[in-house]
């Protein structure tokens, strides 16, 4: 007898999408509309900030991006070290709660 279990007929009804290899449709028209509007607004924000930096900031934009990259790298290293010190998995909430207490964890 084989070690692998065969799905029963009742389980086959629940796994029809899985067996056919198709994804189930979960998004409705409102979800897709909101997703599209969010993408358009997000792209607009990046375009406008890029144009403003080009017109008004000058060559200091390169330095500001470099500084932002360095700051992000330092933050990532600090977050990784904090994650290694906390014995359980979590997010910023878990780390702040462990390091600073319940109030700071709640605020984050």
PDB file of N, CA and C in Angstrom:
ATOM      1  N   UNK A   1       0.840  -1.184   0.000  1.00  0.00           N
ATOM      2  CA  UNK A   1       0.000   0.000   0.000  1.00  0.00           C
ATOM      3  C   UNK A   1       0.876   1.234   0.000  1.00  0.00           C
ATOM      4  N   UNK A   2       0.454   2.257  -0.646  1.00  0.00           N
ATOM      5  CA  UNK A   2       1.227   3.483  -0.781  1.00  0.00           C
ATOM      6  C   UNK A   2       1.161   4.316   0.484  1.00  0.00           C
ATOM      7  N   UNK A   3       2.265   5.047   0.767  1.00  0.00           N
ATOM      8  CA  UNK A   3       2.309   5.925   1.932  1.00  0.00           C
ATOM      9  C   UNK A   3       1.574   7.227   1.695  1.00  0.00           C
ATOM     10  N   UNK A   4       1.362   7.596   0.455  1.00  0.00           N
ATOM     11  CA  UNK A   4       0.690   8.864   0.177  1.00  0.00           C
ATOM     12  C   UNK A   4      -0.810   8.674   0.279  1.00  0.00           C
ATOM     13  N   UNK A   5      -1.463   9.626   0.892  1.00  0.00           N
ATOM     14  CA  UNK A   5      -2.912   9.552   1.056  1.00  0.00           C
ATOM     15  C   UNK A   5      -3.592  10.138  -0.167  1.00  0.00           C
ATOM     16  N   UNK A   6      -4.622   9.460  -0.640  1.00  0.00           N
ATOM     17  CA  UNK A   6      -5.379   9.957  -1.776  1.00  0.00           C
ATOM     18  C   UNK A   6      -6.536  10.792  -1.246  1.00  0.00           C
ATOM     19  N   UNK A   7      -6.837  11.910  -1.905  1.00  0.00           N
ATOM     20  CA  UNK A   7      -7.947  12.730  -1.438  1.00  0.00           C
ATOM     21  C   UNK A   7      -9.273  12.018  -1.629  1.00  0.00           C
ATOM     22  N   UNK A   8     -10.160  12.191  -0.693  1.00  0.00           N
ATOM     23  CA  UNK A   8     -11.477  11.565  -0.787  1.00  0.00           C
ATOM     24  C   UNK A   8     -12.344  12.364  -1.749  1.00  0.00           C
ATOM     25  N   UNK A   9     -13.518  11.843  -2.034  1.00  0.00           N
ATOM     26  CA  UNK A   9     -14.434  12.525  -2.942  1.00  0.00           C
ATOM     27  C   UNK A   9     -14.910  13.843  -2.355  1.00  0.00           C
ATOM     28  N   UNK A  10     -15.100  13.886  -1.032  1.00  0.00           N
ATOM     29  CA  UNK A  10     -15.543  15.130  -0.390  1.00  0.00           C
ATOM     30  C   UNK A  10     -14.448  16.184  -0.446  1.00  0.00           C
ATOM     31  N   UNK A  11     -13.209  15.754  -0.290  1.00  0.00           N
ATOM     32  CA  UNK A  11     -12.101  16.706  -0.345  1.00  0.00           C
ATOM     33  C   UNK A  11     -11.899  17.212  -1.768  1.00  0.00           C
ATOM     34  N   UNK A  12     -12.275  16.437  -2.764  1.00  0.00           N
ATOM     35  CA  UNK A  12     -12.128  16.844  -4.149  1.00  0.00           C
ATOM     36  C   UNK A  12     -12.980  18.044  -4.487  1.00  0.00           C
ATOM     37  N   UNK A  13     -14.117  18.182  -3.821  1.00  0.00           N
ATOM     38  CA  UNK A  13     -14.973  19.337  -4.072  1.00  0.00           C
ATOM     39  C   UNK A  13     -14.310  20.626  -3.605  1.00  0.00           C
ATOM     40  N   UNK A  14     -13.575  20.553  -2.507  1.00  0.00           N
ATOM     41  CA  UNK A  14     -12.902  21.738  -1.983  1.00  0.00           C
ATOM     42  C   UNK A  14     -11.651  22.079  -2.767  1.00  0.00           C
ATOM     43  N   UNK A  15     -11.047  21.099  -3.401  1.00  0.00           N
ATOM     44  CA  UNK A  15      -9.763  21.297  -4.073  1.00  0.00           C
ATOM     45  C   UNK A  15      -9.903  21.416  -5.584  1.00  0.00           C
ATOM     46  N   UNK A  16     -11.065  21.773  -6.092  1.00  0.00           N
ATOM     47  CA  UNK A  16     -11.234  21.815  -7.543  1.00  0.00           C
ATOM     48  C   UNK A  16     -10.312  22.825  -8.184  1.00  0.00           C
ATOM     49  N   UNK A  17     -10.164  24.002  -7.565  1.00  0.00           N
ATOM     50  CA  UNK A  17      -9.272  25.007  -8.143  1.00  0.00           C
ATOM     51  C   UNK A  17      -7.821  24.555  -8.046  1.00  0.00           C
ATOM     52  N   UNK A  18      -7.485  23.909  -6.967  1.00  0.00           N
ATOM     53  CA  UNK A  18      -6.107  23.477  -6.763  1.00  0.00           C
ATOM     54  C   UNK A  18      -5.737  22.369  -7.739  1.00  0.00           C
ATOM     55  N   UNK A  19      -6.655  21.454  -7.986  1.00  0.00           N
ATOM     56  CA  UNK A  19      -6.379  20.347  -8.879  1.00  0.00           C
ATOM     57  C   UNK A  19      -6.265  20.808 -10.327  1.00  0.00           C
ATOM     58  N   UNK A  20      -7.028  21.803 -10.707  1.00  0.00           N
ATOM     59  CA  UNK A  20      -6.991  22.288 -12.069  1.00  0.00           C
ATOM     60  C   UNK A  20      -5.834  23.242 -12.310  1.00  0.00           C
ATOM     61  N   UNK A  21      -5.185  23.700 -11.259  1.00  0.00           N
ATOM     62  CA  UNK A  21      -4.065  24.610 -11.401  1.00  0.00           C
ATOM     63  C   UNK A  21      -4.488  26.040 -11.681  1.00  0.00           C
ATOM     64  N   UNK A  22      -5.717  26.389 -11.371  1.00  0.00           N
ATOM     65  CA  UNK A  22      -6.206  27.742 -11.613  1.00  0.00           C
ATOM     66  C   UNK A  22      -6.316  28.485 -10.291  1.00  0.00           C
ATOM     67  N   UNK A  23      -6.193  29.784 -10.366  1.00  0.00           N
ATOM     68  CA  UNK A  23      -6.350  30.620  -9.183  1.00  0.00           C
ATOM     69  C   UNK A  23      -7.807  31.018  -9.031  1.00  0.00           C
ATOM     70  N   UNK A  24      -8.211  31.169  -7.784  1.00  0.00           N
ATOM     71  CA  UNK A  24      -9.565  31.601  -7.498  1.00  0.00           C
ATOM     72  C   UNK A  24      -9.650  33.116  -7.606  1.00  0.00           C
ATOM     73  N   UNK A  25     -10.719  33.632  -8.177  1.00  0.00           N
ATOM     74  CA  UNK A  25     -10.893  35.079  -8.291  1.00  0.00           C
ATOM     75  C   UNK A  25     -11.397  35.616  -6.956  1.00  0.00           C
ATOM     76  N   UNK A  26     -10.622  36.513  -6.382  1.00  0.00           N
ATOM     77  CA  UNK A  26     -10.966  37.079  -5.087  1.00  0.00           C
ATOM     78  C   UNK A  26     -11.250  38.575  -5.152  1.00  0.00           C
ATOM     79  N   UNK A  27     -10.732  39.270  -6.149  1.00  0.00           N
ATOM     80  CA  UNK A  27     -10.892  40.719  -6.236  1.00  0.00           C
ATOM     81  C   UNK A  27     -12.161  41.064  -6.999  1.00  0.00           C
ATOM     82  N   UNK A  28     -12.905  42.028  -6.461  1.00  0.00           N
ATOM     83  CA  UNK A  28     -14.094  42.493  -7.175  1.00  0.00           C
ATOM     84  C   UNK A  28     -13.762  43.792  -7.901  1.00  0.00           C
ATOM     85  N   UNK A  29     -14.760  44.408  -8.506  1.00  0.00           N
ATOM     86  CA  UNK A  29     -14.531  45.616  -9.301  1.00  0.00           C
ATOM     87  C   UNK A  29     -14.029  46.771  -8.437  1.00  0.00           C
ATOM     88  N   UNK A  30     -14.562  46.914  -7.229  1.00  0.00           N
ATOM     89  CA  UNK A  30     -14.117  47.994  -6.344  1.00  0.00           C
ATOM     90  C   UNK A  30     -12.645  47.821  -5.981  1.00  0.00           C
ATOM     91  N   UNK A  31     -12.231  46.593  -5.642  1.00  0.00           N
ATOM     92  CA  UNK A  31     -10.830  46.337  -5.294  1.00  0.00           C
ATOM     93  C   UNK A  31      -9.900  46.693  -6.448  1.00  0.00           C
ATOM     94  N   UNK A  32     -10.271  46.315  -7.648  1.00  0.00           N
ATOM     95  CA  UNK A  32      -9.432  46.616  -8.813  1.00  0.00           C
ATOM     96  C   UNK A  32      -9.381  48.105  -9.103  1.00  0.00           C
ATOM     97  N   UNK A  33     -10.513  48.795  -8.897  1.00  0.00           N
ATOM     98  CA  UNK A  33     -10.533  50.242  -9.110  1.00  0.00           C
ATOM     99  C   UNK A  33      -9.621  50.946  -8.124  1.00  0.00           C
ATOM    100  N   UNK A  34      -9.709  50.579  -6.856  1.00  0.00           N
ATOM    101  CA  UNK A  34      -8.869  51.185  -5.821  1.00  0.00           C
ATOM    102  C   UNK A  34      -7.402  50.885  -6.082  1.00  0.00           C
ATOM    103  N   UNK A  35      -7.101  49.680  -6.529  1.00  0.00           N
ATOM    104  CA  UNK A  35      -5.722  49.318  -6.851  1.00  0.00           C
ATOM    105  C   UNK A  35      -5.187  50.160  -8.010  1.00  0.00           C
ATOM    106  N   UNK A  36      -6.001  50.374  -9.021  1.00  0.00           N
ATOM    107  CA  UNK A  36      -5.585  51.200 -10.155  1.00  0.00           C
ATOM    108  C   UNK A  36      -5.379  52.653  -9.769  1.00  0.00           C
ATOM    109  N   UNK A  37      -6.307  53.205  -8.976  1.00  0.00           N
ATOM    110  CA  UNK A  37      -6.171  54.598  -8.545  1.00  0.00           C
ATOM    111  C   UNK A  37      -4.933  54.761  -7.666  1.00  0.00           C
ATOM    112  N   UNK A  38      -4.688  53.801  -6.793  1.00  0.00           N
ATOM    113  CA  UNK A  38      -3.491  53.855  -5.950  1.00  0.00           C
ATOM    114  C   UNK A  38      -2.215  53.834  -6.763  1.00  0.00           C
ATOM    115  N   UNK A  39      -2.181  53.019  -7.807  1.00  0.00           N
ATOM    116  CA  UNK A  39      -1.002  52.983  -8.674  1.00  0.00           C
ATOM    117  C   UNK A  39      -0.789  54.284  -9.409  1.00  0.00           C
ATOM    118  N   UNK A  40      -1.877  54.886  -9.872  1.00  0.00           N
ATOM    119  CA  UNK A  40      -1.763  56.158 -10.598  1.00  0.00           C
ATOM    120  C   UNK A  40      -1.294  57.270  -9.663  1.00  0.00           C
ATOM    121  N   UNK A  41      -1.890  57.350  -8.473  1.00  0.00           N
ATOM    122  CA  UNK A  41      -1.491  58.386  -7.514  1.00  0.00           C
ATOM    123  C   UNK A  41      -0.045  58.183  -7.073  1.00  0.00           C
ATOM    124  N   UNK A  42       0.334  56.947  -6.813  1.00  0.00           N
ATOM    125  CA  UNK A  42       1.721  56.668  -6.408  1.00  0.00           C
ATOM    126  C   UNK A  42       2.714  57.049  -7.486  1.00  0.00           C
ATOM    127  N   UNK A  43       2.401  56.707  -8.725  1.00  0.00           N
ATOM    128  CA  UNK A  43       3.297  57.088  -9.822  1.00  0.00           C
ATOM    129  C   UNK A  43       3.366  58.596  -9.968  1.00  0.00           C
ATOM    130  N   UNK A  44       2.241  59.269  -9.780  1.00  0.00           N
ATOM    131  CA  UNK A  44       2.224  60.728  -9.870  1.00  0.00           C
ATOM    132  C   UNK A  44       3.082  61.378  -8.801  1.00  0.00           C
ATOM    133  N   UNK A  45       3.047  60.817  -7.601  1.00  0.00           N
ATOM    134  CA  UNK A  45       3.867  61.371  -6.524  1.00  0.00           C
ATOM    135  C   UNK A  45       5.350  61.259  -6.867  1.00  0.00           C
ATOM    136  N   UNK A  46       5.763  60.114  -7.398  1.00  0.00           N
ATOM    137  CA  UNK A  46       7.173  59.946  -7.739  1.00  0.00           C
ATOM    138  C   UNK A  46       7.585  60.844  -8.903  1.00  0.00           C
ATOM    139  N   UNK A  47       6.709  61.032  -9.864  1.00  0.00           N
ATOM    140  CA  UNK A  47       7.036  61.883 -11.011  1.00  0.00           C
ATOM    141  C   UNK A  47       7.150  63.336 -10.573  1.00  0.00           C
ATOM    142  N   UNK A  48       6.213  63.803  -9.763  1.00  0.00           N
ATOM    143  CA  UNK A  48       6.228  65.201  -9.329  1.00  0.00           C
ATOM    144  C   UNK A  48       7.448  65.481  -8.458  1.00  0.00           C
ATOM    145  N   UNK A  49       7.779  64.576  -7.549  1.00  0.00           N
ATOM    146  CA  UNK A  49       8.955  64.812  -6.709  1.00  0.00           C
ATOM    147  C   UNK A  49      10.239  64.786  -7.535  1.00  0.00           C
ATOM    148  N   UNK A  50      10.286  63.946  -8.570  1.00  0.00           N
ATOM    149  CA  UNK A  50      11.458  63.932  -9.442  1.00  0.00           C
ATOM    150  C   UNK A  50      11.601  65.206 -10.239  1.00  0.00           C
ATOM    151  N   UNK A  51      10.483  65.720 -10.737  1.00  0.00           N
ATOM    152  CA  UNK A  51      10.527  66.980 -11.480  1.00  0.00           C
ATOM    153  C   UNK A  51      10.916  68.145 -10.572  1.00  0.00           C
ATOM    154  N   UNK A  52      10.387  68.150  -9.360  1.00  0.00           N
ATOM    155  CA  UNK A  52      10.738  69.219  -8.418  1.00  0.00           C
ATOM    156  C   UNK A  52      12.217  69.158  -8.060  1.00  0.00           C
ATOM    157  N   UNK A  53      12.740  67.959  -7.875  1.00  0.00           N
ATOM    158  CA  UNK A  53      14.163  67.832  -7.570  1.00  0.00           C
ATOM    159  C   UNK A  53      15.013  68.285  -8.750  1.00  0.00           C
ATOM    160  N   UNK A  54      14.571  67.982  -9.969  1.00  0.00           N
ATOM    161  CA  UNK A  54      15.322  68.379 -11.156  1.00  0.00           C
ATOM    162  C   UNK A  54      15.339  69.893 -11.332  1.00  0.00           C
ATOM    163  N   UNK A  55      14.184  70.524 -11.112  1.00  0.00           N
ATOM    164  CA  UNK A  55      14.069  71.965 -11.365  1.00  0.00           C
ATOM    165  C   UNK A  55      14.676  72.818 -10.259  1.00  0.00           C
ATOM    166  N   UNK A  56      14.561  72.387  -9.012  1.00  0.00           N
ATOM    167  CA  UNK A  56      14.888  73.282  -7.901  1.00  0.00           C
ATOM    168  C   UNK A  56      16.079  72.846  -7.050  1.00  0.00           C
ATOM    169  N   UNK A  57      16.449  71.577  -7.095  1.00  0.00           N
ATOM    170  CA  UNK A  57      17.470  71.112  -6.158  1.00  0.00           C
ATOM    171  C   UNK A  57      18.881  71.164  -6.728  1.00  0.00           C
ATOM    172  N   UNK A  58      19.037  70.924  -7.975  1.00  0.00           N
ATOM    173  CA  UNK A  58      20.368  70.952  -8.570  1.00  0.00           C
ATOM    174  C   UNK A  58      21.151  69.678  -8.285  1.00  0.00           C
ATOM    175  N   UNK A  59      22.478  69.781  -8.288  1.00  0.00           N
ATOM    176  CA  UNK A  59      23.307  68.576  -8.114  1.00  0.00           C
ATOM    177  C   UNK A  59      23.266  67.991  -6.693  1.00  0.00           C
ATOM    178  N   UNK A  60      22.671  68.713  -5.753  1.00  0.00           N
ATOM    179  CA  UNK A  60      22.590  68.189  -4.391  1.00  0.00           C
ATOM    180  C   UNK A  60      21.645  66.986  -4.296  1.00  0.00           C
ATOM    181  N   UNK A  61      20.857  66.746  -5.348  1.00  0.00           N
ATOM    182  CA  UNK A  61      19.957  65.593  -5.342  1.00  0.00           C
ATOM    183  C   UNK A  61      20.761  64.303  -5.220  1.00  0.00           C
ATOM    184  N   UNK A  62      21.882  64.242  -5.897  1.00  0.00           N
ATOM    185  CA  UNK A  62      22.723  63.044  -5.828  1.00  0.00           C
ATOM    186  C   UNK A  62      23.196  62.823  -4.398  1.00  0.00           C
ATOM    187  N   UNK A  63      23.619  63.883  -3.746  1.00  0.00           N
ATOM    188  CA  UNK A  63      24.063  63.761  -2.351  1.00  0.00           C
ATOM    189  C   UNK A  63      22.917  63.368  -1.432  1.00  0.00           C
ATOM    190  N   UNK A  64      21.725  63.902  -1.667  1.00  0.00           N
ATOM    191  CA  UNK A  64      20.589  63.554  -0.803  1.00  0.00           C
ATOM    192  C   UNK A  64      20.191  62.097  -0.975  1.00  0.00           C
ATOM    193  N   UNK A  65      20.242  61.584  -2.218  1.00  0.00           N
ATOM    194  CA  UNK A  65      19.946  60.174  -2.432  1.00  0.00           C
ATOM    195  C   UNK A  65      21.016  59.291  -1.795  1.00  0.00           C
ATOM    196  N   UNK A  66      22.273  59.692  -1.878  1.00  0.00           N
ATOM    197  CA  UNK A  66      23.348  58.926  -1.248  1.00  0.00           C
ATOM    198  C   UNK A  66      23.190  58.912   0.272  1.00  0.00           C
ATOM    199  N   UNK A  67      22.854  60.073   0.842  1.00  0.00           N
ATOM    200  CA  UNK A  67      22.630  60.145   2.284  1.00  0.00           C
ATOM    201  C   UNK A  67      21.439  59.293   2.700  1.00  0.00           C
ATOM    202  N   UNK A  68      20.371  59.320   1.922  1.00  0.00           N
ATOM    203  CA  UNK A  68      19.207  58.483   2.218  1.00  0.00           C
ATOM    204  C   UNK A  68      19.555  57.006   2.138  1.00  0.00           C
ATOM    205  N   UNK A  69      20.387  56.626   1.176  1.00  0.00           N
ATOM    206  CA  UNK A  69      20.830  55.227   1.073  1.00  0.00           C
ATOM    207  C   UNK A  69      21.660  54.795   2.253  1.00  0.00           C
ATOM    208  N   UNK A  70      22.564  55.657   2.709  1.00  0.00           N
ATOM    209  CA  UNK A  70      23.392  55.340   3.879  1.00  0.00           C
ATOM    210  C   UNK A  70      22.517  55.207   5.123  1.00  0.00           C
ATOM    211  N   UNK A  71      21.578  56.134   5.293  1.00  0.00           N
ATOM    212  CA  UNK A  71      20.681  56.073   6.458  1.00  0.00           C
ATOM    213  C   UNK A  71      19.827  54.810   6.431  1.00  0.00           C
ATOM    214  N   UNK A  72      19.338  54.436   5.264  1.00  0.00           N
ATOM    215  CA  UNK A  72      18.545  53.212   5.146  1.00  0.00           C
ATOM    216  C   UNK A  72      19.383  51.978   5.455  1.00  0.00           C
ATOM    217  N   UNK A  73      20.634  51.977   5.024  1.00  0.00           N
ATOM    218  CA  UNK A  73      21.521  50.842   5.317  1.00  0.00           C
ATOM    219  C   UNK A  73      21.799  50.725   6.812  1.00  0.00           C
ATOM    220  N   UNK A  74      22.039  51.847   7.467  1.00  0.00           N
ATOM    221  CA  UNK A  74      22.270  51.825   8.913  1.00  0.00           C
ATOM    222  C   UNK A  74      21.028  51.330   9.639  1.00  0.00           C
ATOM    223  N   UNK A  75      19.857  51.797   9.217  1.00  0.00           N
ATOM    224  CA  UNK A  75      18.600  51.354   9.815  1.00  0.00           C
ATOM    225  C   UNK A  75      18.423  49.850   9.629  1.00  0.00           C
ATOM    226  N   UNK A  76      18.740  49.345   8.443  1.00  0.00           N
ATOM    227  CA  UNK A  76      18.593  47.913   8.181  1.00  0.00           C
ATOM    228  C   UNK A  76      19.514  47.087   9.070  1.00  0.00           C
ATOM    229  N   UNK A  77      20.740  47.548   9.259  1.00  0.00           N
ATOM    230  CA  UNK A  77      21.683  46.820  10.120  1.00  0.00           C
ATOM    231  C   UNK A  77      21.203  46.851  11.572  1.00  0.00           C
ATOM    232  N   UNK A  78      20.725  48.009  12.034  1.00  0.00           N
ATOM    233  CA  UNK A  78      20.203  48.105  13.404  1.00  0.00           C
ATOM    234  C   UNK A  78      18.997  47.201  13.592  1.00  0.00           C
ATOM    235  N   UNK A  79      18.100  47.181  12.612  1.00  0.00           N
ATOM    236  CA  UNK A  79      16.903  46.347  12.698  1.00  0.00           C
ATOM    237  C   UNK A  79      17.286  44.871  12.694  1.00  0.00           C
ATOM    238  N   UNK A  80      18.285  44.486  11.895  1.00  0.00           N
ATOM    239  CA  UNK A  80      18.725  43.091  11.855  1.00  0.00           C
ATOM    240  C   UNK A  80      19.362  42.675  13.173  1.00  0.00           C
ATOM    241  N   UNK A  81      20.147  43.560  13.783  1.00  0.00           N
ATOM    242  CA  UNK A  81      20.760  43.233  15.063  1.00  0.00           C
ATOM    243  C   UNK A  81      19.707  43.114  16.159  1.00  0.00           C
ATOM    244  N   UNK A  82      18.727  43.993  16.137  1.00  0.00           N
ATOM    245  CA  UNK A  82      17.644  43.910  17.106  1.00  0.00           C
ATOM    246  C   UNK A  82      16.839  42.631  16.913  1.00  0.00           C
ATOM    247  N   UNK A  83      16.613  42.246  15.672  1.00  0.00           N
ATOM    248  CA  UNK A  83      15.889  41.007  15.395  1.00  0.00           C
ATOM    249  C   UNK A  83      16.657  39.789  15.884  1.00  0.00           C
ATOM    250  N   UNK A  84      17.978  39.847  15.820  1.00  0.00           N
ATOM    251  CA  UNK A  84      18.787  38.726  16.306  1.00  0.00           C
ATOM    252  C   UNK A  84      18.763  38.633  17.829  1.00  0.00           C
ATOM    253  N   UNK A  85      18.564  39.762  18.513  1.00  0.00           N
ATOM    254  CA  UNK A  85      18.556  39.754  19.983  1.00  0.00           C
ATOM    255  C   UNK A  85      17.211  39.329  20.558  1.00  0.00           C
ATOM    256  N   UNK A  86      16.118  39.551  19.830  1.00  0.00           N
ATOM    257  CA  UNK A  86      14.788  39.194  20.329  1.00  0.00           C
ATOM    258  C   UNK A  86      14.553  37.723  20.017  1.00  0.00           C
ATOM    259  N   UNK A  87      14.165  36.928  21.022  1.00  0.00           N
ATOM    260  CA  UNK A  87      14.066  35.487  20.814  1.00  0.00           C
ATOM    261  C   UNK A  87      12.869  35.027  19.987  1.00  0.00           C
ATOM    262  N   UNK A  88      11.884  35.879  19.747  1.00  0.00           N
ATOM    263  CA  UNK A  88      10.720  35.456  18.972  1.00  0.00           C
ATOM    264  C   UNK A  88      10.549  36.353  17.744  1.00  0.00           C
ATOM    265  N   UNK A  89       9.931  35.781  16.731  1.00  0.00           N
ATOM    266  CA  UNK A  89       9.769  36.499  15.470  1.00  0.00           C
ATOM    267  C   UNK A  89       8.708  37.577  15.604  1.00  0.00           C
ATOM    268  N   UNK A  90       8.831  38.606  14.806  1.00  0.00           N
ATOM    269  CA  UNK A  90       7.843  39.670  14.850  1.00  0.00           C
ATOM    270  C   UNK A  90       8.189  40.793  13.918  1.00  0.00           C
ATOM    271  N   UNK A  91       7.525  41.890  14.129  1.00  0.00           N
ATOM    272  CA  UNK A  91       7.737  43.064  13.291  1.00  0.00           C
ATOM    273  C   UNK A  91       8.233  44.203  14.154  1.00  0.00           C
ATOM    274  N   UNK A  92       8.104  45.421  13.656  1.00  0.00           N
ATOM    275  CA  UNK A  92       8.550  46.592  14.404  1.00  0.00           C
ATOM    276  C   UNK A  92       7.811  46.690  15.733  1.00  0.00           C
ATOM    277  N   UNK A  93       6.535  46.284  15.759  1.00  0.00           N
ATOM    278  CA  UNK A  93       5.760  46.302  17.003  1.00  0.00           C
ATOM    279  C   UNK A  93       6.415  45.423  18.057  1.00  0.00           C
ATOM    280  N   UNK A  94       6.768  44.213  17.693  1.00  0.00           N
ATOM    281  CA  UNK A  94       7.362  43.269  18.648  1.00  0.00           C
ATOM    282  C   UNK A  94       8.695  43.782  19.164  1.00  0.00           C
ATOM    283  N   UNK A  95       9.519  44.307  18.282  1.00  0.00           N
ATOM    284  CA  UNK A  95      10.834  44.781  18.696  1.00  0.00           C
ATOM    285  C   UNK A  95      10.726  46.015  19.588  1.00  0.00           C
ATOM    286  N   UNK A  96       9.843  46.946  19.231  1.00  0.00           N
ATOM    287  CA  UNK A  96       9.680  48.144  20.065  1.00  0.00           C
ATOM    288  C   UNK A  96       9.075  47.797  21.414  1.00  0.00           C
ATOM    289  N   UNK A  97       8.146  46.874  21.438  1.00  0.00           N
ATOM    290  CA  UNK A  97       7.538  46.460  22.702  1.00  0.00           C
ATOM    291  C   UNK A  97       8.574  45.805  23.597  1.00  0.00           C
ATOM    292  N   UNK A  98       9.430  44.973  23.036  1.00  0.00           N
ATOM    293  CA  UNK A  98      10.464  44.312  23.816  1.00  0.00           C
ATOM    294  C   UNK A  98      11.510  45.304  24.311  1.00  0.00           C
ATOM    295  N   UNK A  99      11.898  46.240  23.466  1.00  0.00           N
ATOM    296  CA  UNK A  99      12.965  47.169  23.821  1.00  0.00           C
ATOM    297  C   UNK A  99      12.492  48.309  24.717  1.00  0.00           C
ATOM    298  N   UNK A 100      11.301  48.858  24.446  1.00  0.00           N
ATOM    299  CA  UNK A 100      10.874  50.068  25.118  1.00  0.00           C
ATOM    300  C   UNK A 100       9.628  49.945  25.961  1.00  0.00           C
ATOM    301  N   UNK A 101       8.896  48.865  25.841  1.00  0.00           N
ATOM    302  CA  UNK A 101       7.702  48.679  26.657  1.00  0.00           C
ATOM    303  C   UNK A 101       6.422  48.720  25.861  1.00  0.00           C
ATOM    304  N   UNK A 102       5.313  48.520  26.579  1.00  0.00           N
ATOM    305  CA  UNK A 102       4.007  48.397  25.935  1.00  0.00           C
ATOM    306  C   UNK A 102       3.552  49.678  25.255  1.00  0.00           C
ATOM    307  N   UNK A 103       3.784  50.821  25.867  1.00  0.00           N
ATOM    308  CA  UNK A 103       3.292  52.081  25.305  1.00  0.00           C
ATOM    309  C   UNK A 103       3.927  52.364  23.940  1.00  0.00           C
ATOM    310  N   UNK A 104       5.229  52.233  23.855  1.00  0.00           N
ATOM    311  CA  UNK A 104       5.917  52.473  22.572  1.00  0.00           C
ATOM    312  C   UNK A 104       5.490  51.432  21.533  1.00  0.00           C
ATOM    313  N   UNK A 105       5.342  50.175  21.973  1.00  0.00           N
ATOM    314  CA  UNK A 105       4.857  49.146  21.052  1.00  0.00           C
ATOM    315  C   UNK A 105       3.483  49.470  20.532  1.00  0.00           C
ATOM    316  N   UNK A 106       2.615  50.006  21.392  1.00  0.00           N
ATOM    317  CA  UNK A 106       1.270  50.382  20.972  1.00  0.00           C
ATOM    318  C   UNK A 106       1.308  51.548  19.986  1.00  0.00           C
ATOM    319  N   UNK A 107       2.184  52.504  20.228  1.00  0.00           N
ATOM    320  CA  UNK A 107       2.267  53.663  19.344  1.00  0.00           C
ATOM    321  C   UNK A 107       2.779  53.259  17.965  1.00  0.00           C
ATOM    322  N   UNK A 108       3.727  52.330  17.935  1.00  0.00           N
ATOM    323  CA  UNK A 108       4.256  51.875  16.649  1.00  0.00           C
ATOM    324  C   UNK A 108       3.207  51.073  15.966  1.00  0.00           C
TER     325      UNK A 108
END
